[in-house]
C-alpha cells in the first residue's frame, strides 16, 4: 500500500500528519506502541523541516510518502528547503547535565532510536529523509 500527504511548513498542520500516520498504522494492523513510536519519530522529523528548512517567512511544502511492503514501513520526507543532512549530526551527550548540553539534537537522536534505518540524500534540489521500520 502507498500513501502520500503534503503539508505546508506550518506546525498548525501537524494534526493532519498524526491522522495520516494513524491511518497507515491501523490499515496495516500495527500495535499501539509501534503506532505511537512511528508517530513520534515522523512528527519529530517533519516538525524539524517545518521549523528549519525554509527561511523565516517563506512558505514551503513537506511531502510525506509512505509504503508498506515485505514487512517494512518506508516513510520518505521530502522538502525543497535548505540542504541539511541530519544523519551526520553527532548525537548529543545525554549523560551531561542539562545545563552543559548544547541546545537541539535530541529529536534526531529520538528518530534514530525509534526507526530501524534513517538515511538522507539531496537530489534534484530536494532534501529526502527516509525512515524505515521493520513491522515484524
N, C-alpha and C. Protein backbone atom coordinates (compact mmCIF):
# COMPACT_ATOMS: atom_id res chain seq x y z
N UNK A 1 0.83 -1.18 0.00
CA UNK A 1 0.00 0.00 0.00
C UNK A 1 0.88 1.24 0.00
N UNK A 2 0.40 2.28 -0.66
CA UNK A 2 1.15 3.53 -0.71
C UNK A 2 0.26 4.68 -0.25
N UNK A 3 0.89 5.64 0.40
CA UNK A 3 0.19 6.78 0.98
C UNK A 3 1.01 8.04 0.72
N UNK A 4 0.34 9.18 0.56
CA UNK A 4 1.03 10.45 0.36
C UNK A 4 0.28 11.55 1.10
N UNK A 5 1.05 12.46 1.71
CA UNK A 5 0.49 13.63 2.37
C UNK A 5 1.43 14.79 2.11
N UNK A 6 0.88 15.93 1.71
CA UNK A 6 1.68 17.14 1.54
C UNK A 6 1.17 18.20 2.51
N UNK A 7 2.11 18.75 3.28
CA UNK A 7 1.78 19.78 4.26
C UNK A 7 2.58 21.04 3.94
N UNK A 8 2.11 22.17 4.45
CA UNK A 8 2.89 23.41 4.37
C UNK A 8 3.82 23.43 5.59
N UNK A 9 4.83 24.26 5.54
CA UNK A 9 5.76 24.35 6.68
C UNK A 9 5.13 25.19 7.79
N UNK A 10 4.05 24.64 8.34
CA UNK A 10 3.27 25.31 9.37
C UNK A 10 2.90 24.25 10.42
N UNK A 11 3.40 24.40 11.64
CA UNK A 11 3.15 23.40 12.67
C UNK A 11 1.67 23.25 13.00
N UNK A 12 0.85 24.20 12.57
CA UNK A 12 -0.60 24.06 12.77
C UNK A 12 -1.15 22.86 11.99
N UNK A 13 -0.39 22.37 11.01
CA UNK A 13 -0.84 21.24 10.19
C UNK A 13 -0.40 19.89 10.75
N UNK A 14 0.32 19.89 11.87
CA UNK A 14 0.81 18.64 12.47
C UNK A 14 -0.33 17.65 12.79
N UNK A 15 -1.51 18.10 13.24
CA UNK A 15 -2.59 17.13 13.48
C UNK A 15 -2.96 16.32 12.22
N UNK A 16 -2.81 16.91 11.03
CA UNK A 16 -3.06 16.17 9.79
C UNK A 16 -2.05 15.04 9.63
N UNK A 17 -0.81 15.30 10.06
CA UNK A 17 0.24 14.28 10.00
C UNK A 17 -0.10 13.12 10.92
N UNK A 18 -0.56 13.43 12.13
CA UNK A 18 -0.92 12.38 13.09
C UNK A 18 -2.03 11.50 12.54
N UNK A 19 -3.02 12.10 11.93
CA UNK A 19 -4.13 11.35 11.33
C UNK A 19 -3.62 10.45 10.20
N UNK A 20 -2.72 10.99 9.38
CA UNK A 20 -2.11 10.25 8.26
C UNK A 20 -1.38 9.01 8.79
N UNK A 21 -0.54 9.18 9.80
CA UNK A 21 0.23 8.06 10.36
C UNK A 21 -0.70 7.06 11.03
N UNK A 22 -1.69 7.56 11.79
CA UNK A 22 -2.65 6.66 12.44
C UNK A 22 -3.37 5.79 11.42
N UNK A 23 -3.75 6.37 10.29
CA UNK A 23 -4.44 5.62 9.24
C UNK A 23 -3.54 4.50 8.71
N UNK A 24 -2.29 4.82 8.43
CA UNK A 24 -1.34 3.81 7.92
C UNK A 24 -1.19 2.68 8.94
N UNK A 25 -1.02 3.05 10.20
CA UNK A 25 -0.82 2.04 11.25
C UNK A 25 -2.05 1.15 11.41
N UNK A 26 -3.23 1.76 11.40
CA UNK A 26 -4.47 0.98 11.55
C UNK A 26 -4.69 0.05 10.36
N UNK A 27 -4.49 0.57 9.15
CA UNK A 27 -4.73 -0.24 7.95
C UNK A 27 -3.73 -1.39 7.83
N UNK A 28 -2.61 -1.29 8.54
CA UNK A 28 -1.60 -2.33 8.47
C UNK A 28 -1.46 -3.09 9.79
N UNK A 29 -2.49 -2.99 10.64
CA UNK A 29 -2.61 -3.76 11.89
C UNK A 29 -1.38 -3.65 12.79
N UNK A 30 -0.83 -2.43 12.93
CA UNK A 30 0.29 -2.22 13.83
C UNK A 30 -0.25 -2.01 15.24
N UNK A 31 0.49 -2.51 16.22
CA UNK A 31 0.02 -2.34 17.60
C UNK A 31 0.20 -0.89 18.06
N UNK A 32 -0.41 -0.58 19.21
CA UNK A 32 -0.44 0.80 19.72
C UNK A 32 0.97 1.34 19.97
N UNK A 33 1.84 0.53 20.57
CA UNK A 33 3.20 1.00 20.87
C UNK A 33 3.95 1.36 19.59
N UNK A 34 3.88 0.48 18.59
CA UNK A 34 4.57 0.77 17.34
C UNK A 34 3.98 2.01 16.68
N UNK A 35 2.67 2.12 16.70
CA UNK A 35 1.99 3.28 16.11
C UNK A 35 2.44 4.57 16.79
N UNK A 36 2.52 4.56 18.11
CA UNK A 36 2.94 5.75 18.84
C UNK A 36 4.40 6.10 18.52
N UNK A 37 5.26 5.09 18.46
CA UNK A 37 6.68 5.34 18.16
C UNK A 37 6.87 5.90 16.75
N UNK A 38 6.15 5.35 15.79
CA UNK A 38 6.25 5.84 14.41
C UNK A 38 5.73 7.28 14.35
N UNK A 39 4.61 7.52 14.99
CA UNK A 39 4.04 8.87 15.03
C UNK A 39 5.05 9.87 15.60
N UNK A 40 5.68 9.50 16.70
CA UNK A 40 6.64 10.38 17.36
C UNK A 40 7.85 10.66 16.47
N UNK A 41 8.40 9.62 15.87
CA UNK A 41 9.58 9.78 15.01
C UNK A 41 9.27 10.65 13.79
N UNK A 42 8.15 10.38 13.14
CA UNK A 42 7.79 11.14 11.93
C UNK A 42 7.47 12.59 12.30
N UNK A 43 6.76 12.79 13.40
CA UNK A 43 6.45 14.16 13.82
C UNK A 43 7.73 14.94 14.10
N UNK A 44 8.69 14.33 14.79
CA UNK A 44 9.97 14.99 15.07
C UNK A 44 10.64 15.43 13.77
N UNK A 45 10.72 14.50 12.82
CA UNK A 45 11.40 14.80 11.55
C UNK A 45 10.66 15.89 10.77
N UNK A 46 9.35 15.80 10.70
CA UNK A 46 8.56 16.76 9.91
C UNK A 46 8.57 18.14 10.57
N UNK A 47 8.44 18.20 11.87
CA UNK A 47 8.46 19.49 12.56
C UNK A 47 9.82 20.17 12.39
N UNK A 48 10.90 19.38 12.39
CA UNK A 48 12.23 19.96 12.12
C UNK A 48 12.25 20.61 10.74
N UNK A 49 11.69 19.94 9.75
CA UNK A 49 11.63 20.52 8.40
C UNK A 49 10.79 21.79 8.43
N UNK A 50 9.62 21.73 9.08
CA UNK A 50 8.75 22.90 9.14
C UNK A 50 9.45 24.10 9.78
N UNK A 51 10.22 23.83 10.83
CA UNK A 51 10.85 24.92 11.58
C UNK A 51 12.14 25.43 10.97
N UNK A 52 12.89 24.57 10.26
CA UNK A 52 14.25 24.96 9.87
C UNK A 52 14.58 24.91 8.38
N UNK A 53 13.79 24.21 7.57
CA UNK A 53 14.19 24.02 6.17
C UNK A 53 14.07 25.29 5.34
N UNK A 54 13.08 26.10 5.63
CA UNK A 54 12.82 27.28 4.80
C UNK A 54 13.15 28.55 5.58
N UNK A 55 13.65 29.58 4.87
CA UNK A 55 13.91 30.85 5.56
C UNK A 55 12.63 31.38 6.19
N UNK A 56 12.77 32.08 7.31
CA UNK A 56 11.61 32.61 8.02
C UNK A 56 10.75 33.45 7.08
N UNK A 57 9.44 33.22 7.14
CA UNK A 57 8.51 33.97 6.30
C UNK A 57 8.27 33.33 4.94
N UNK A 58 9.01 32.27 4.62
CA UNK A 58 8.88 31.58 3.33
C UNK A 58 7.89 30.43 3.49
N UNK A 59 6.94 30.34 2.57
CA UNK A 59 6.01 29.23 2.58
C UNK A 59 6.62 28.10 1.74
N UNK A 60 6.68 26.93 2.33
CA UNK A 60 7.23 25.77 1.63
C UNK A 60 6.36 24.56 1.91
N UNK A 61 6.72 23.47 1.29
CA UNK A 61 5.96 22.23 1.48
C UNK A 61 6.84 21.12 2.02
N UNK A 62 6.20 20.20 2.70
CA UNK A 62 6.82 18.97 3.17
C UNK A 62 5.94 17.85 2.64
N UNK A 63 6.54 16.94 1.89
CA UNK A 63 5.77 15.82 1.34
C UNK A 63 6.20 14.55 2.05
N UNK A 64 5.22 13.78 2.50
CA UNK A 64 5.48 12.53 3.18
C UNK A 64 4.87 11.41 2.33
N UNK A 65 5.73 10.52 1.87
CA UNK A 65 5.29 9.34 1.14
C UNK A 65 5.54 8.13 2.02
N UNK A 66 4.59 7.22 2.06
CA UNK A 66 4.74 6.02 2.87
C UNK A 66 4.33 4.81 2.06
N UNK A 67 5.04 3.71 2.30
CA UNK A 67 4.65 2.45 1.68
C UNK A 67 4.92 1.31 2.65
N UNK A 68 4.09 0.29 2.56
CA UNK A 68 4.27 -0.92 3.35
C UNK A 68 4.42 -2.07 2.38
N UNK A 69 5.63 -2.65 2.38
CA UNK A 69 5.90 -3.81 1.52
C UNK A 69 6.90 -4.73 2.21
N UNK A 70 6.68 -6.00 2.05
CA UNK A 70 7.58 -7.03 2.59
C UNK A 70 7.93 -6.82 4.06
N UNK A 71 6.94 -6.46 4.86
CA UNK A 71 7.15 -6.30 6.29
C UNK A 71 7.91 -5.05 6.69
N UNK A 72 8.02 -4.10 5.77
CA UNK A 72 8.72 -2.84 6.07
C UNK A 72 7.81 -1.66 5.81
N UNK A 73 7.82 -0.71 6.75
CA UNK A 73 7.18 0.58 6.54
C UNK A 73 8.29 1.54 6.14
N UNK A 74 8.17 2.13 4.96
CA UNK A 74 9.15 3.10 4.48
C UNK A 74 8.46 4.45 4.36
N UNK A 75 9.01 5.44 5.07
CA UNK A 75 8.48 6.80 5.04
C UNK A 75 9.54 7.71 4.44
N UNK A 76 9.16 8.48 3.44
CA UNK A 76 10.08 9.41 2.80
C UNK A 76 9.55 10.82 3.03
N UNK A 77 10.39 11.66 3.64
CA UNK A 77 10.02 13.04 3.94
C UNK A 77 10.86 13.93 3.03
N UNK A 78 10.19 14.68 2.16
CA UNK A 78 10.91 15.49 1.17
C UNK A 78 10.51 16.95 1.26
N UNK A 79 11.51 17.83 1.09
CA UNK A 79 11.26 19.26 1.05
C UNK A 79 12.28 19.89 0.12
N UNK A 80 12.00 21.11 -0.32
CA UNK A 80 12.94 21.81 -1.21
C UNK A 80 13.60 22.98 -0.48
N UNK A 81 13.73 22.85 0.83
CA UNK A 81 14.36 23.88 1.64
C UNK A 81 15.88 23.78 1.62
N UNK A 82 16.51 24.47 2.57
CA UNK A 82 17.96 24.49 2.70
C UNK A 82 18.49 23.08 2.91
N UNK A 83 19.50 22.66 2.14
CA UNK A 83 20.05 21.32 2.33
C UNK A 83 20.55 21.11 3.77
N UNK A 84 20.16 19.99 4.37
CA UNK A 84 20.59 19.66 5.72
C UNK A 84 20.50 18.15 5.89
N UNK A 85 21.62 17.55 6.27
CA UNK A 85 21.68 16.11 6.48
C UNK A 85 21.69 15.81 7.97
N UNK A 86 20.55 15.43 8.53
CA UNK A 86 20.51 15.16 9.97
C UNK A 86 21.26 13.89 10.36
N UNK A 87 21.55 13.03 9.39
CA UNK A 87 22.20 11.76 9.71
C UNK A 87 23.68 11.94 10.04
N UNK A 88 24.29 13.08 9.68
CA UNK A 88 25.70 13.29 10.00
C UNK A 88 25.87 14.06 11.30
N UNK A 89 24.77 14.54 11.85
CA UNK A 89 24.84 15.28 13.12
C UNK A 89 25.19 14.31 14.24
N UNK A 90 26.19 14.68 15.02
CA UNK A 90 26.63 13.85 16.13
C UNK A 90 25.55 13.82 17.21
N UNK A 91 25.32 12.64 17.78
CA UNK A 91 24.35 12.53 18.87
C UNK A 91 24.79 13.39 20.05
N UNK A 92 23.84 14.05 20.70
CA UNK A 92 24.20 14.83 21.89
C UNK A 92 24.62 13.89 23.02
N UNK A 93 25.47 14.38 23.92
CA UNK A 93 25.88 13.60 25.08
C UNK A 93 24.79 13.72 26.13
N UNK A 94 23.93 12.72 26.19
CA UNK A 94 22.79 12.78 27.11
C UNK A 94 23.21 12.48 28.55
N UNK A 95 24.49 12.16 28.76
CA UNK A 95 24.98 11.93 30.12
C UNK A 95 25.40 13.22 30.81
N UNK A 96 25.56 14.28 30.04
CA UNK A 96 25.91 15.58 30.62
C UNK A 96 24.70 16.17 31.33
N UNK A 97 24.92 16.97 32.38
CA UNK A 97 23.79 17.69 32.99
C UNK A 97 23.15 18.60 31.94
N UNK A 98 21.85 18.81 32.05
CA UNK A 98 21.10 19.59 31.05
C UNK A 98 21.74 20.94 30.78
N UNK A 99 22.22 21.62 31.82
CA UNK A 99 22.78 22.97 31.62
C UNK A 99 24.11 22.95 30.85
N UNK A 100 24.74 21.78 30.72
CA UNK A 100 26.01 21.70 29.98
C UNK A 100 25.82 21.22 28.55
N UNK A 101 24.62 20.77 28.20
CA UNK A 101 24.36 20.28 26.84
C UNK A 101 24.07 21.43 25.90
N UNK A 102 24.45 21.25 24.63
CA UNK A 102 24.06 22.26 23.65
C UNK A 102 22.59 22.05 23.31
N UNK A 103 21.96 23.11 22.83
CA UNK A 103 20.54 23.06 22.51
C UNK A 103 20.35 22.25 21.23
N UNK A 104 19.32 21.43 21.19
CA UNK A 104 18.95 20.71 19.98
C UNK A 104 19.61 19.34 19.88
N UNK A 105 19.21 18.62 18.84
CA UNK A 105 19.80 17.32 18.56
C UNK A 105 19.05 16.14 19.16
N UNK A 106 18.21 16.37 20.15
CA UNK A 106 17.50 15.26 20.77
C UNK A 106 16.46 14.65 19.84
N UNK A 107 15.83 15.47 19.00
CA UNK A 107 14.83 14.96 18.07
C UNK A 107 15.42 13.97 17.08
N UNK A 108 16.60 14.30 16.55
CA UNK A 108 17.26 13.41 15.59
C UNK A 108 17.66 12.11 16.29
N UNK A 109 18.18 12.23 17.52
CA UNK A 109 18.54 11.05 18.30
C UNK A 109 17.31 10.16 18.50
N UNK A 110 16.18 10.78 18.83
CA UNK A 110 14.94 10.04 19.03
C UNK A 110 14.51 9.31 17.76
N UNK A 111 14.58 9.98 16.63
CA UNK A 111 14.22 9.37 15.35
C UNK A 111 15.10 8.15 15.10
N UNK A 112 16.41 8.29 15.32
CA UNK A 112 17.35 7.16 15.12
C UNK A 112 17.01 5.99 16.03
N UNK A 113 16.60 6.29 17.27
CA UNK A 113 16.30 5.22 18.22
C UNK A 113 14.99 4.51 17.90
N UNK A 114 14.02 5.24 17.37
CA UNK A 114 12.69 4.66 17.13
C UNK A 114 12.57 3.96 15.78
N UNK A 115 13.39 4.32 14.81
CA UNK A 115 13.32 3.72 13.49
C UNK A 115 14.48 2.75 13.30
N UNK A 116 14.35 1.81 12.37
CA UNK A 116 15.42 0.84 12.14
C UNK A 116 16.50 1.40 11.22
N UNK A 117 16.11 2.22 10.26
CA UNK A 117 17.08 2.82 9.34
C UNK A 117 16.68 4.26 9.09
N UNK A 118 17.66 5.16 9.08
CA UNK A 118 17.44 6.57 8.76
C UNK A 118 18.52 6.97 7.76
N UNK A 119 18.09 7.39 6.56
CA UNK A 119 19.06 7.81 5.54
C UNK A 119 18.63 9.16 4.96
N UNK A 120 19.62 9.87 4.41
CA UNK A 120 19.38 11.19 3.83
C UNK A 120 20.06 11.26 2.47
N UNK A 121 19.42 11.96 1.56
CA UNK A 121 20.07 12.33 0.29
C UNK A 121 19.52 13.67 -0.16
N UNK A 122 20.34 14.38 -0.91
CA UNK A 122 19.91 15.65 -1.51
C UNK A 122 19.95 15.43 -3.01
N UNK A 123 18.76 15.41 -3.63
CA UNK A 123 18.64 15.09 -5.04
C UNK A 123 17.69 16.06 -5.71
N UNK A 124 18.09 16.57 -6.86
CA UNK A 124 17.23 17.47 -7.65
C UNK A 124 16.70 18.62 -6.81
N UNK A 125 17.54 19.19 -5.96
CA UNK A 125 17.15 20.33 -5.14
C UNK A 125 16.25 19.99 -3.97
N UNK A 126 16.15 18.71 -3.65
CA UNK A 126 15.28 18.29 -2.55
C UNK A 126 16.07 17.55 -1.46
N UNK A 127 15.69 17.84 -0.22
CA UNK A 127 16.14 17.04 0.92
C UNK A 127 15.21 15.84 0.99
N UNK A 128 15.78 14.65 1.07
CA UNK A 128 14.96 13.44 1.16
C UNK A 128 15.46 12.62 2.34
N UNK A 129 14.63 12.56 3.37
CA UNK A 129 14.93 11.78 4.56
C UNK A 129 14.06 10.53 4.52
N UNK A 130 14.70 9.37 4.60
CA UNK A 130 13.96 8.11 4.52
C UNK A 130 14.06 7.39 5.85
N UNK A 131 12.91 7.04 6.40
CA UNK A 131 12.81 6.31 7.66
C UNK A 131 12.20 4.94 7.38
N UNK A 132 12.82 3.89 7.91
CA UNK A 132 12.33 2.54 7.68
C UNK A 132 12.11 1.86 9.03
N UNK A 133 10.96 1.20 9.15
CA UNK A 133 10.64 0.45 10.36
C UNK A 133 10.24 -0.97 9.97
N UNK A 134 10.90 -1.95 10.62
CA UNK A 134 10.52 -3.35 10.40
C UNK A 134 9.23 -3.60 11.18
N UNK A 135 8.26 -4.24 10.53
CA UNK A 135 6.95 -4.42 11.14
C UNK A 135 6.78 -5.76 11.86
N UNK A 136 7.75 -6.67 11.76
CA UNK A 136 7.56 -7.96 12.44
C UNK A 136 8.71 -8.26 13.36
